Amino acid sequence: MDRKEAVRRYKENPPPAGVFVVRNVAEGMVLIGATPNVAGRLNRERFALEMGSHTSKQLQADWNRLGADAFVIEVLDEIEEPEDPGTDLKEELEELRQMWIEKLELKPEQLYKMVG
């Protein structure tokens, strides 16, 4: 398959967008994020934590202190690519993220700060 064909297929079938969570099961802290490529973002989150380079210093410190077994990284929700080209995917994802924070009844002090 040549590069043009690969790009065409990617555009026809974009990766699922969605909301993910990095959950500190030992202490009840969570990082909830939204992204246009949820599978890729999960890989990035885990890799950054394993390499000691996560942008959330508090999350990284907890990961280092408690170890990987104290955390669960998973997809909470996925959404389809909007059919209307005028739809702001970033805005929809942020709304979905906020809905999950409410659904999980999380208090601000339970959330790791998102950086970047």
PDB file of N, CA and C in Angstrom:
ATOM      1  N   MET A   1       0.863  -1.165   0.000  1.00  0.00           N
ATOM      2  CA  MET A   1       0.000   0.000   0.000  1.00  0.00           C
ATOM      3  C   MET A   1       0.916   1.236   0.000  1.00  0.00           C
ATOM      4  N   ASP A   2       0.654   2.158  -0.898  1.00  0.00           N
ATOM      5  CA  ASP A   2       1.474   3.367  -0.938  1.00  0.00           C
ATOM      6  C   ASP A   2       0.967   4.404   0.066  1.00  0.00           C
ATOM      7  N   ARG A   3       1.743   5.452   0.234  1.00  0.00           N
ATOM      8  CA  ARG A   3       1.439   6.470   1.233  1.00  0.00           C
ATOM      9  C   ARG A   3       0.104   7.158   0.965  1.00  0.00           C
ATOM     10  N   LYS A   4      -0.181   7.483  -0.288  1.00  0.00           N
ATOM     11  CA  LYS A   4      -1.449   8.147  -0.632  1.00  0.00           C
ATOM     12  C   LYS A   4      -2.643   7.290  -0.236  1.00  0.00           C
ATOM     13  N   GLU A   5      -2.535   6.017  -0.508  1.00  0.00           N
ATOM     14  CA  GLU A   5      -3.618   5.091  -0.170  1.00  0.00           C
ATOM     15  C   GLU A   5      -3.795   5.007   1.347  1.00  0.00           C
ATOM     16  N   ALA A   6      -2.694   4.964   2.074  1.00  0.00           N
ATOM     17  CA  ALA A   6      -2.760   4.901   3.538  1.00  0.00           C
ATOM     18  C   ALA A   6      -3.415   6.163   4.102  1.00  0.00           C
ATOM     19  N   VAL A   7      -3.078   7.329   3.577  1.00  0.00           N
ATOM     20  CA  VAL A   7      -3.668   8.585   4.030  1.00  0.00           C
ATOM     21  C   VAL A   7      -5.157   8.611   3.724  1.00  0.00           C
ATOM     22  N   ARG A   8      -5.530   8.155   2.520  1.00  0.00           N
ATOM     23  CA  ARG A   8      -6.939   8.124   2.128  1.00  0.00           C
ATOM     24  C   ARG A   8      -7.730   7.218   3.082  1.00  0.00           C
ATOM     25  N   ARG A   9      -7.210   6.055   3.385  1.00  0.00           N
ATOM     26  CA  ARG A   9      -7.900   5.128   4.297  1.00  0.00           C
ATOM     27  C   ARG A   9      -8.016   5.712   5.703  1.00  0.00           C
ATOM     28  N   TYR A  10      -6.960   6.372   6.141  1.00  0.00           N
ATOM     29  CA  TYR A  10      -6.987   6.995   7.473  1.00  0.00           C
ATOM     30  C   TYR A  10      -8.080   8.054   7.537  1.00  0.00           C
ATOM     31  N   LYS A  11      -8.171   8.871   6.502  1.00  0.00           N
ATOM     32  CA  LYS A  11      -9.182   9.933   6.484  1.00  0.00           C
ATOM     33  C   LYS A  11     -10.593   9.354   6.410  1.00  0.00           C
ATOM     34  N   GLU A  12     -10.756   8.241   5.717  1.00  0.00           N
ATOM     35  CA  GLU A  12     -12.062   7.601   5.627  1.00  0.00           C
ATOM     36  C   GLU A  12     -12.442   6.909   6.932  1.00  0.00           C
ATOM     37  N   ASN A  13     -11.455   6.447   7.674  1.00  0.00           N
ATOM     38  CA  ASN A  13     -11.687   5.724   8.927  1.00  0.00           C
ATOM     39  C   ASN A  13     -10.796   6.286  10.026  1.00  0.00           C
ATOM     40  N   PRO A  14     -11.096   7.495  10.493  1.00  0.00           N
ATOM     41  CA  PRO A  14     -10.243   8.070  11.542  1.00  0.00           C
ATOM     42  C   PRO A  14     -10.338   7.242  12.823  1.00  0.00           C
ATOM     43  N   PRO A  15      -9.283   7.297  13.645  1.00  0.00           N
ATOM     44  CA  PRO A  15      -9.334   6.551  14.909  1.00  0.00           C
ATOM     45  C   PRO A  15     -10.428   7.124  15.803  1.00  0.00           C
ATOM     46  N   PRO A  16     -10.980   6.299  16.672  1.00  0.00           N
ATOM     47  CA  PRO A  16     -12.040   6.784  17.552  1.00  0.00           C
ATOM     48  C   PRO A  16     -11.557   7.887  18.489  1.00  0.00           C
ATOM     49  N   ALA A  17     -12.371   8.915  18.613  1.00  0.00           N
ATOM     50  CA  ALA A  17     -12.135   9.981  19.581  1.00  0.00           C
ATOM     51  C   ALA A  17     -12.832   9.569  20.869  1.00  0.00           C
ATOM     52  N   GLY A  18     -12.389  10.119  21.985  1.00  0.00           N
ATOM     53  CA  GLY A  18     -13.074   9.755  23.215  1.00  0.00           C
ATOM     54  C   GLY A  18     -12.465  10.321  24.468  1.00  0.00           C
ATOM     55  N   VAL A  19     -12.943   9.779  25.573  1.00  0.00           N
ATOM     56  CA  VAL A  19     -12.537  10.190  26.910  1.00  0.00           C
ATOM     57  C   VAL A  19     -11.840   9.005  27.568  1.00  0.00           C
ATOM     58  N   PHE A  20     -10.734   9.299  28.241  1.00  0.00           N
ATOM     59  CA  PHE A  20      -9.964   8.252  28.906  1.00  0.00           C
ATOM     60  C   PHE A  20      -9.737   8.639  30.367  1.00  0.00           C
ATOM     61  N   VAL A  21      -9.319   7.657  31.146  1.00  0.00           N
ATOM     62  CA  VAL A  21      -9.017   7.901  32.554  1.00  0.00           C
ATOM     63  C   VAL A  21      -7.725   7.190  32.931  1.00  0.00           C
ATOM     64  N   VAL A  22      -6.928   7.862  33.732  1.00  0.00           N
ATOM     65  CA  VAL A  22      -5.801   7.249  34.426  1.00  0.00           C
ATOM     66  C   VAL A  22      -6.211   7.299  35.888  1.00  0.00           C
ATOM     67  N   ARG A  23      -6.497   6.129  36.442  1.00  0.00           N
ATOM     68  CA  ARG A  23      -7.075   6.050  37.792  1.00  0.00           C
ATOM     69  C   ARG A  23      -6.048   5.487  38.785  1.00  0.00           C
ATOM     70  N   ASN A  24      -5.809   6.244  39.823  1.00  0.00           N
ATOM     71  CA  ASN A  24      -4.978   5.795  40.935  1.00  0.00           C
ATOM     72  C   ASN A  24      -5.917   5.041  41.867  1.00  0.00           C
ATOM     73  N   VAL A  25      -5.937   3.719  41.760  1.00  0.00           N
ATOM     74  CA  VAL A  25      -6.899   2.922  42.522  1.00  0.00           C
ATOM     75  C   VAL A  25      -6.523   2.842  43.998  1.00  0.00           C
ATOM     76  N   ALA A  26      -5.283   3.120  44.315  1.00  0.00           N
ATOM     77  CA  ALA A  26      -4.846   3.073  45.711  1.00  0.00           C
ATOM     78  C   ALA A  26      -5.331   4.277  46.506  1.00  0.00           C
ATOM     79  N   GLU A  27      -5.435   5.441  45.844  1.00  0.00           N
ATOM     80  CA  GLU A  27      -5.749   6.666  46.575  1.00  0.00           C
ATOM     81  C   GLU A  27      -6.945   7.443  46.029  1.00  0.00           C
ATOM     82  N   GLY A  28      -7.570   6.927  44.966  1.00  0.00           N
ATOM     83  CA  GLY A  28      -8.791   7.543  44.466  1.00  0.00           C
ATOM     84  C   GLY A  28      -8.619   8.783  43.605  1.00  0.00           C
ATOM     85  N   MET A  29      -7.396   9.076  43.190  1.00  0.00           N
ATOM     86  CA  MET A  29      -7.151  10.221  42.307  1.00  0.00           C
ATOM     87  C   MET A  29      -7.317   9.776  40.855  1.00  0.00           C
ATOM     88  N   VAL A  30      -7.749  10.706  39.990  1.00  0.00           N
ATOM     89  CA  VAL A  30      -7.916  10.379  38.576  1.00  0.00           C
ATOM     90  C   VAL A  30      -7.471  11.523  37.682  1.00  0.00           C
ATOM     91  N   LEU A  31      -7.041  11.145  36.506  1.00  0.00           N
ATOM     92  CA  LEU A  31      -6.807  12.089  35.418  1.00  0.00           C
ATOM     93  C   LEU A  31      -7.813  11.708  34.350  1.00  0.00           C
ATOM     94  N   ILE A  32      -8.668  12.636  33.968  1.00  0.00           N
ATOM     95  CA  ILE A  32      -9.641  12.375  32.909  1.00  0.00           C
ATOM     96  C   ILE A  32      -9.323  13.321  31.766  1.00  0.00           C
ATOM     97  N   GLY A  33      -9.145  12.733  30.595  1.00  0.00           N
ATOM     98  CA  GLY A  33      -8.815  13.536  29.433  1.00  0.00           C
ATOM     99  C   GLY A  33      -9.686  13.170  28.251  1.00  0.00           C
ATOM    100  N   ALA A  34      -9.670  14.042  27.252  1.00  0.00           N
ATOM    101  CA  ALA A  34     -10.426  13.826  26.020  1.00  0.00           C
ATOM    102  C   ALA A  34      -9.482  14.054  24.849  1.00  0.00           C
ATOM    103  N   THR A  35      -9.622  13.249  23.808  1.00  0.00           N
ATOM    104  CA  THR A  35      -8.679  13.305  22.702  1.00  0.00           C
ATOM    105  C   THR A  35      -9.313  12.795  21.407  1.00  0.00           C
ATOM    106  N   PRO A  36      -8.871  13.307  20.269  1.00  0.00           N
ATOM    107  CA  PRO A  36      -9.392  12.819  18.995  1.00  0.00           C
ATOM    108  C   PRO A  36      -8.884  11.422  18.617  1.00  0.00           C
ATOM    109  N   ASN A  37      -7.870  10.904  19.312  1.00  0.00           N
ATOM    110  CA  ASN A  37      -7.354   9.556  19.057  1.00  0.00           C
ATOM    111  C   ASN A  37      -7.138   8.884  20.401  1.00  0.00           C
ATOM    112  N   VAL A  38      -8.183   8.270  20.909  1.00  0.00           N
ATOM    113  CA  VAL A  38      -8.153   7.750  22.282  1.00  0.00           C
ATOM    114  C   VAL A  38      -7.175   6.585  22.444  1.00  0.00           C
ATOM    115  N   ALA A  39      -7.062   5.693  21.482  1.00  0.00           N
ATOM    116  CA  ALA A  39      -6.133   4.567  21.613  1.00  0.00           C
ATOM    117  C   ALA A  39      -4.693   5.071  21.625  1.00  0.00           C
ATOM    118  N   GLY A  40      -4.392   5.991  20.737  1.00  0.00           N
ATOM    119  CA  GLY A  40      -3.050   6.558  20.700  1.00  0.00           C
ATOM    120  C   GLY A  40      -2.713   7.307  21.977  1.00  0.00           C
ATOM    121  N   ARG A  41      -3.683   8.002  22.523  1.00  0.00           N
ATOM    122  CA  ARG A  41      -3.453   8.773  23.744  1.00  0.00           C
ATOM    123  C   ARG A  41      -3.197   7.856  24.935  1.00  0.00           C
ATOM    124  N   LEU A  42      -3.898   6.719  25.003  1.00  0.00           N
ATOM    125  CA  LEU A  42      -3.650   5.777  26.102  1.00  0.00           C
ATOM    126  C   LEU A  42      -2.204   5.299  26.058  1.00  0.00           C
ATOM    127  N   ASN A  43      -1.731   4.989  24.855  1.00  0.00           N
ATOM    128  CA  ASN A  43      -0.342   4.556  24.709  1.00  0.00           C
ATOM    129  C   ASN A  43       0.620   5.659  25.150  1.00  0.00           C
ATOM    130  N   ARG A  44       0.318   6.900  24.772  1.00  0.00           N
ATOM    131  CA  ARG A  44       1.167   8.034  25.128  1.00  0.00           C
ATOM    132  C   ARG A  44       1.203   8.251  26.643  1.00  0.00           C
ATOM    133  N   GLU A  45       0.040   8.154  27.292  1.00  0.00           N
ATOM    134  CA  GLU A  45      -0.028   8.336  28.742  1.00  0.00           C
ATOM    135  C   GLU A  45       0.835   7.289  29.460  1.00  0.00           C
ATOM    136  N   ARG A  46       0.645   6.036  29.082  1.00  0.00           N
ATOM    137  CA  ARG A  46       1.399   4.946  29.728  1.00  0.00           C
ATOM    138  C   ARG A  46       2.904   5.104  29.476  1.00  0.00           C
ATOM    139  N   PHE A  47       3.264   5.419  28.241  1.00  0.00           N
ATOM    140  CA  PHE A  47       4.675   5.569  27.894  1.00  0.00           C
ATOM    141  C   PHE A  47       5.306   6.702  28.704  1.00  0.00           C
ATOM    142  N   ALA A  48       4.627   7.845  28.769  1.00  0.00           N
ATOM    143  CA  ALA A  48       5.163   8.986  29.515  1.00  0.00           C
ATOM    144  C   ALA A  48       5.352   8.631  30.989  1.00  0.00           C
ATOM    145  N   LEU A  49       4.390   7.931  31.570  1.00  0.00           N
ATOM    146  CA  LEU A  49       4.509   7.536  32.976  1.00  0.00           C
ATOM    147  C   LEU A  49       5.663   6.559  33.175  1.00  0.00           C
ATOM    148  N   GLU A  50       5.787   5.601  32.281  1.00  0.00           N
ATOM    149  CA  GLU A  50       6.871   4.621  32.402  1.00  0.00           C
ATOM    150  C   GLU A  50       8.248   5.254  32.220  1.00  0.00           C
ATOM    151  N   MET A  51       8.314   6.301  31.404  1.00  0.00           N
ATOM    152  CA  MET A  51       9.588   6.983  31.155  1.00  0.00           C
ATOM    153  C   MET A  51       9.880   8.081  32.189  1.00  0.00           C
ATOM    154  N   GLY A  52       8.898   8.352  33.077  1.00  0.00           N
ATOM    155  CA  GLY A  52       9.080   9.376  34.094  1.00  0.00           C
ATOM    156  C   GLY A  52       8.960  10.790  33.558  1.00  0.00           C
ATOM    157  N   SER A  53       8.206  10.948  32.458  1.00  0.00           N
ATOM    158  CA  SER A  53       8.128  12.262  31.818  1.00  0.00           C
ATOM    159  C   SER A  53       6.703  12.776  31.643  1.00  0.00           C
ATOM    160  N   HIS A  54       5.785  12.313  32.472  1.00  0.00           N
ATOM    161  CA  HIS A  54       4.399  12.766  32.335  1.00  0.00           C
ATOM    162  C   HIS A  54       4.296  14.247  32.675  1.00  0.00           C
ATOM    163  N   THR A  55       3.409  14.960  31.975  1.00  0.00           N
ATOM    164  CA  THR A  55       3.270  16.400  32.190  1.00  0.00           C
ATOM    165  C   THR A  55       2.605  16.739  33.525  1.00  0.00           C
ATOM    166  N   SER A  56       1.845  15.801  34.095  1.00  0.00           N
ATOM    167  CA  SER A  56       1.269  16.025  35.421  1.00  0.00           C
ATOM    168  C   SER A  56       2.282  15.549  36.456  1.00  0.00           C
ATOM    169  N   LYS A  57       2.929  16.495  37.098  1.00  0.00           N
ATOM    170  CA  LYS A  57       3.976  16.157  38.078  1.00  0.00           C
ATOM    171  C   LYS A  57       3.416  15.362  39.253  1.00  0.00           C
ATOM    172  N   GLN A  58       2.200  15.702  39.680  1.00  0.00           N
ATOM    173  CA  GLN A  58       1.585  14.987  40.802  1.00  0.00           C
ATOM    174  C   GLN A  58       1.295  13.535  40.424  1.00  0.00           C
ATOM    175  N   LEU A  59       0.741  13.329  39.234  1.00  0.00           N
ATOM    176  CA  LEU A  59       0.465  11.968  38.760  1.00  0.00           C
ATOM    177  C   LEU A  59       1.771  11.191  38.628  1.00  0.00           C
ATOM    178  N   GLN A  60       2.784  11.814  38.055  1.00  0.00           N
ATOM    179  CA  GLN A  60       4.064  11.126  37.887  1.00  0.00           C
ATOM    180  C   GLN A  60       4.661  10.745  39.231  1.00  0.00           C
ATOM    181  N   ALA A  61       4.587  11.650  40.203  1.00  0.00           N
ATOM    182  CA  ALA A  61       5.127  11.357  41.535  1.00  0.00           C
ATOM    183  C   ALA A  61       4.387  10.181  42.175  1.00  0.00           C
ATOM    184  N   ASP A  62       3.056  10.150  42.030  1.00  0.00           N
ATOM    185  CA  ASP A  62       2.273   9.034  42.585  1.00  0.00           C
ATOM    186  C   ASP A  62       2.622   7.725  41.881  1.00  0.00           C
ATOM    187  N   TRP A  63       2.780   7.776  40.569  1.00  0.00           N
ATOM    188  CA  TRP A  63       3.155   6.586  39.789  1.00  0.00           C
ATOM    189  C   TRP A  63       4.501   6.057  40.271  1.00  0.00           C
ATOM    190  N   ASN A  64       5.445   6.952  40.451  1.00  0.00           N
ATOM    191  CA  ASN A  64       6.785   6.549  40.900  1.00  0.00           C
ATOM    192  C   ASN A  64       6.733   5.952  42.306  1.00  0.00           C
ATOM    193  N   ARG A  65       5.928   6.537  43.163  1.00  0.00           N
ATOM    194  CA  ARG A  65       5.837   6.106  44.564  1.00  0.00           C
ATOM    195  C   ARG A  65       5.066   4.794  44.712  1.00  0.00           C
ATOM    196  N   LEU A  66       3.946   4.662  43.992  1.00  0.00           N
ATOM    197  CA  LEU A  66       3.051   3.515  44.176  1.00  0.00           C
ATOM    198  C   LEU A  66       3.297   2.374  43.185  1.00  0.00           C
ATOM    199  N   GLY A  67       3.851   2.686  42.036  1.00  0.00           N
ATOM    200  CA  GLY A  67       4.095   1.674  41.013  1.00  0.00           C
ATOM    201  C   GLY A  67       2.911   1.522  40.066  1.00  0.00           C
ATOM    202  N   ALA A  68       3.184   0.946  38.916  1.00  0.00           N
ATOM    203  CA  ALA A  68       2.189   0.796  37.852  1.00  0.00           C
ATOM    204  C   ALA A  68       0.965  -0.008  38.284  1.00  0.00           C
ATOM    205  N   ASP A  69       1.139  -0.970  39.183  1.00  0.00           N
ATOM    206  CA  ASP A  69       0.017  -1.823  39.600  1.00  0.00           C
ATOM    207  C   ASP A  69      -1.069  -1.055  40.355  1.00  0.00           C
ATOM    208  N   ALA A  70      -0.756   0.145  40.815  1.00  0.00           N
ATOM    209  CA  ALA A  70      -1.742   0.951  41.554  1.00  0.00           C
ATOM    210  C   ALA A  70      -2.593   1.801  40.611  1.00  0.00           C
ATOM    211  N   PHE A  71      -2.413   1.633  39.293  1.00  0.00           N
ATOM    212  CA  PHE A  71      -3.108   2.466  38.320  1.00  0.00           C
ATOM    213  C   PHE A  71      -3.831   1.642  37.266  1.00  0.00           C
ATOM    214  N   VAL A  72      -4.953   2.188  36.810  1.00  0.00           N
ATOM    215  CA  VAL A  72      -5.706   1.628  35.697  1.00  0.00           C
ATOM    216  C   VAL A  72      -5.819   2.735  34.655  1.00  0.00           C
ATOM    217  N   ILE A  73      -5.492   2.390  33.412  1.00  0.00           N
ATOM    218  CA  ILE A  73      -5.603   3.343  32.306  1.00  0.00           C
ATOM    219  C   ILE A  73      -6.584   2.733  31.318  1.00  0.00           C
ATOM    220  N   GLU A  74      -7.703   3.449  31.071  1.00  0.00           N
ATOM    221  CA  GLU A  74      -8.729   2.866  30.214  1.00  0.00           C
ATOM    222  C   GLU A  74      -9.563   3.922  29.510  1.00  0.00           C
ATOM    223  N   VAL A  75     -10.278   3.475  28.488  1.00  0.00           N
ATOM    224  CA  VAL A  75     -11.207   4.326  27.746  1.00  0.00           C
ATOM    225  C   VAL A  75     -12.533   4.336  28.498  1.00  0.00           C
ATOM    226  N   LEU A  76     -13.074   5.527  28.710  1.00  0.00           N
ATOM    227  CA  LEU A  76     -14.392   5.648  29.342  1.00  0.00           C
ATOM    228  C   LEU A  76     -15.500   5.713  28.300  1.00  0.00           C
ATOM    229  N   ASP A  77     -15.220   6.373  27.179  1.00  0.00           N
ATOM    230  CA  ASP A  77     -16.259   6.614  26.185  1.00  0.00           C
ATOM    231  C   ASP A  77     -15.608   6.933  24.845  1.00  0.00           C
ATOM    232  N   GLU A  78     -16.268   6.560  23.766  1.00  0.00           N
ATOM    233  CA  GLU A  78     -15.823   6.900  22.421  1.00  0.00           C
ATOM    234  C   GLU A  78     -16.961   7.585  21.682  1.00  0.00           C
ATOM    235  N   ILE A  79     -16.601   8.476  20.773  1.00  0.00           N
ATOM    236  CA  ILE A  79     -17.612   9.120  19.938  1.00  0.00           C
ATOM    237  C   ILE A  79     -17.208   8.993  18.477  1.00  0.00           C
ATOM    238  N   GLU A  80     -18.219   9.008  17.637  1.00  0.00           N
ATOM    239  CA  GLU A  80     -17.996   8.947  16.194  1.00  0.00           C
ATOM    240  C   GLU A  80     -17.535  10.307  15.692  1.00  0.00           C
ATOM    241  N   GLU A  81     -16.816  10.291  14.597  1.00  0.00           N
ATOM    242  CA  GLU A  81     -16.433  11.534  13.926  1.00  0.00           C
ATOM    243  C   GLU A  81     -17.720  12.246  13.513  1.00  0.00           C
ATOM    244  N   PRO A  82     -17.876  13.534  13.861  1.00  0.00           N
ATOM    245  CA  PRO A  82     -19.104  14.255  13.502  1.00  0.00           C
ATOM    246  C   PRO A  82     -19.291  14.312  11.984  1.00  0.00           C
ATOM    247  N   GLU A  83     -20.526  14.092  11.537  1.00  0.00           N
ATOM    248  CA  GLU A  83     -20.816  14.156  10.108  1.00  0.00           C
ATOM    249  C   GLU A  83     -20.856  15.600   9.622  1.00  0.00           C
ATOM    250  N   ASP A  84     -21.301  16.504  10.480  1.00  0.00           N
ATOM    251  CA  ASP A  84     -21.370  17.919  10.127  1.00  0.00           C
ATOM    252  C   ASP A  84     -19.964  18.518  10.197  1.00  0.00           C
ATOM    253  N   PRO A  85     -19.436  19.010   9.067  1.00  0.00           N
ATOM    254  CA  PRO A  85     -18.080  19.557   9.077  1.00  0.00           C
ATOM    255  C   PRO A  85     -17.941  20.800   9.953  1.00  0.00           C
ATOM    256  N   GLY A  86     -19.039  21.436  10.326  1.00  0.00           N
ATOM    257  CA  GLY A  86     -18.992  22.615  11.181  1.00  0.00           C
ATOM    258  C   GLY A  86     -18.913  22.284  12.658  1.00  0.00           C
ATOM    259  N   THR A  87     -19.013  21.014  13.003  1.00  0.00           N
ATOM    260  CA  THR A  87     -18.985  20.593  14.400  1.00  0.00           C
ATOM    261  C   THR A  87     -17.570  20.711  14.958  1.00  0.00           C
ATOM    262  N   ASP A  88     -17.454  21.280  16.142  1.00  0.00           N
ATOM    263  CA  ASP A  88     -16.163  21.417  16.804  1.00  0.00           C
ATOM    264  C   ASP A  88     -15.918  20.170  17.660  1.00  0.00           C
ATOM    265  N   LEU A  89     -15.103  19.254  17.146  1.00  0.00           N
ATOM    266  CA  LEU A  89     -14.835  17.997  17.839  1.00  0.00           C
ATOM    267  C   LEU A  89     -14.201  18.254  19.203  1.00  0.00           C
ATOM    268  N   LYS A  90     -13.303  19.210  19.280  1.00  0.00           N
ATOM    269  CA  LYS A  90     -12.633  19.520  20.543  1.00  0.00           C
ATOM    270  C   LYS A  90     -13.650  19.944  21.605  1.00  0.00           C
ATOM    271  N   GLU A  91     -14.614  20.754  21.200  1.00  0.00           N
ATOM    272  CA  GLU A  91     -15.657  21.210  22.130  1.00  0.00           C
ATOM    273  C   GLU A  91     -16.531  20.042  22.580  1.00  0.00           C
ATOM    274  N   GLU A  92     -16.905  19.182  21.632  1.00  0.00           N
ATOM    275  CA  GLU A  92     -17.726  18.005  21.988  1.00  0.00           C
ATOM    276  C   GLU A  92     -16.988  17.088  22.952  1.00  0.00           C
ATOM    277  N   LEU A  93     -15.705  16.906  22.715  1.00  0.00           N
ATOM    278  CA  LEU A  93     -14.918  16.057  23.597  1.00  0.00           C
ATOM    279  C   LEU A  93     -14.824  16.649  25.004  1.00  0.00           C
ATOM    280  N   GLU A  94     -14.649  17.958  25.103  1.00  0.00           N
ATOM    281  CA  GLU A  94     -14.566  18.593  26.425  1.00  0.00           C
ATOM    282  C   GLU A  94     -15.899  18.470  27.163  1.00  0.00           C
ATOM    283  N   GLU A  95     -17.011  18.603  26.441  1.00  0.00           N
ATOM    284  CA  GLU A  95     -18.324  18.420  27.069  1.00  0.00           C
ATOM    285  C   GLU A  95     -18.482  16.995  27.578  1.00  0.00           C
ATOM    286  N   LEU A  96     -18.045  16.024  26.780  1.00  0.00           N
ATOM    287  CA  LEU A  96     -18.124  14.624  27.188  1.00  0.00           C
ATOM    288  C   LEU A  96     -17.237  14.374  28.407  1.00  0.00           C
ATOM    289  N   ARG A  97     -16.064  14.969  28.428  1.00  0.00           N
ATOM    290  CA  ARG A  97     -15.159  14.860  29.579  1.00  0.00           C
ATOM    291  C   ARG A  97     -15.840  15.393  30.843  1.00  0.00           C
ATOM    292  N   GLN A  98     -16.453  16.561  30.739  1.00  0.00           N
ATOM    293  CA  GLN A  98     -17.139  17.148  31.890  1.00  0.00           C
ATOM    294  C   GLN A  98     -18.298  16.262  32.357  1.00  0.00           C
ATOM    295  N   MET A  99     -19.010  15.664  31.411  1.00  0.00           N
ATOM    296  CA  MET A  99     -20.111  14.755  31.765  1.00  0.00           C
ATOM    297  C   MET A  99     -19.584  13.575  32.572  1.00  0.00           C
ATOM    298  N   TRP A 100     -18.411  13.046  32.192  1.00  0.00           N
ATOM    299  CA  TRP A 100     -17.843  11.916  32.927  1.00  0.00           C
ATOM    300  C   TRP A 100     -17.400  12.324  34.328  1.00  0.00           C
ATOM    301  N   ILE A 101     -16.865  13.522  34.460  1.00  0.00           N
ATOM    302  CA  ILE A 101     -16.473  14.000  35.789  1.00  0.00           C
ATOM    303  C   ILE A 101     -17.703  14.057  36.687  1.00  0.00           C
ATOM    304  N   GLU A 102     -18.815  14.552  36.144  1.00  0.00           N
ATOM    305  CA  GLU A 102     -20.068  14.606  36.908  1.00  0.00           C
ATOM    306  C   GLU A 102     -20.612  13.211  37.183  1.00  0.00           C
ATOM    307  N   LYS A 103     -20.596  12.345  36.170  1.00  0.00           N
ATOM    308  CA  LYS A 103     -21.125  10.990  36.315  1.00  0.00           C
ATOM    309  C   LYS A 103     -20.374  10.205  37.391  1.00  0.00           C
ATOM    310  N   LEU A 104     -19.065  10.396  37.440  1.00  0.00           N
ATOM    311  CA  LEU A 104     -18.251   9.694  38.438  1.00  0.00           C
ATOM    312  C   LEU A 104     -18.244  10.410  39.788  1.00  0.00           C
ATOM    313  N   GLU A 105     -18.967  11.546  39.845  1.00  0.00           N
ATOM    314  CA  GLU A 105     -19.103  12.333  41.066  1.00  0.00           C
ATOM    315  C   GLU A 105     -17.738  12.675  41.674  1.00  0.00           C
ATOM    316  N   LEU A 106     -16.844  13.166  40.811  1.00  0.00           N
ATOM    317  CA  LEU A 106     -15.500  13.510  41.248  1.00  0.00           C
ATOM    318  C   LEU A 106     -15.438  14.941  41.759  1.00  0.00           C
ATOM    319  N   LYS A 107     -14.752  15.112  42.848  1.00  0.00           N
ATOM    320  CA  LYS A 107     -14.531  16.437  43.418  1.00  0.00           C
ATOM    321  C   LYS A 107     -13.227  16.981  42.826  1.00  0.00           C
ATOM    322  N   PRO A 108     -13.089  18.294  42.754  1.00  0.00           N
ATOM    323  CA  PRO A 108     -11.865  18.879  42.185  1.00  0.00           C
ATOM    324  C   PRO A 108     -10.577  18.347  42.818  1.00  0.00           C
ATOM    325  N   GLU A 109     -10.622  18.078  44.111  1.00  0.00           N
ATOM    326  CA  GLU A 109      -9.406  17.597  44.785  1.00  0.00           C
ATOM    327  C   GLU A 109      -9.041  16.150  44.417  1.00  0.00           C
ATOM    328  N   GLN A 110      -9.949  15.447  43.716  1.00  0.00           N
ATOM    329  CA  GLN A 110      -9.662  14.082  43.273  1.00  0.00           C
ATOM    330  C   GLN A 110      -9.044  14.052  41.872  1.00  0.00           C
ATOM    331  N   LEU A 111      -8.961  15.197  41.222  1.00  0.00           N
ATOM    332  CA  LEU A 111      -8.493  15.258  39.837  1.00  0.00           C
ATOM    333  C   LEU A 111      -7.033  15.686  39.758  1.00  0.00           C
ATOM    334  N   TYR A 112      -6.255  14.898  39.039  1.00  0.00           N
ATOM    335  CA  TYR A 112      -4.902  15.342  38.723  1.00  0.00           C
ATOM    336  C   TYR A 112      -5.029  16.511  37.746  1.00  0.00           C
ATOM    337  N   LYS A 113      -4.160  17.471  37.890  1.00  0.00           N
ATOM    338  CA  LYS A 113      -4.173  18.637  37.002  1.00  0.00           C
ATOM    339  C   LYS A 113      -3.680  18.236  35.617  1.00  0.00           C
ATOM    340  N   MET A 114      -4.435  18.651  34.599  1.00  0.00           N
ATOM    341  CA  MET A 114      -4.041  18.431  33.198  1.00  0.00           C
ATOM    342  C   MET A 114      -3.083  19.546  32.813  1.00  0.00           C
ATOM    343  N   VAL A 115      -1.983  19.188  32.220  1.00  0.00           N
ATOM    344  CA  VAL A 115      -1.003  20.160  31.748  1.00  0.00           C
ATOM    345  C   VAL A 115      -0.787  19.922  30.258  1.00  0.00           C
ATOM    346  N   GLY A 116      -0.783  20.995  29.507  1.00  0.00           N
ATOM    347  CA  GLY A 116      -0.478  20.895  28.084  1.00  0.00           C
ATOM    348  C   GLY A 116      -1.557  20.389  27.254  1.00  0.00           C
TER     349      GLY A 116
END
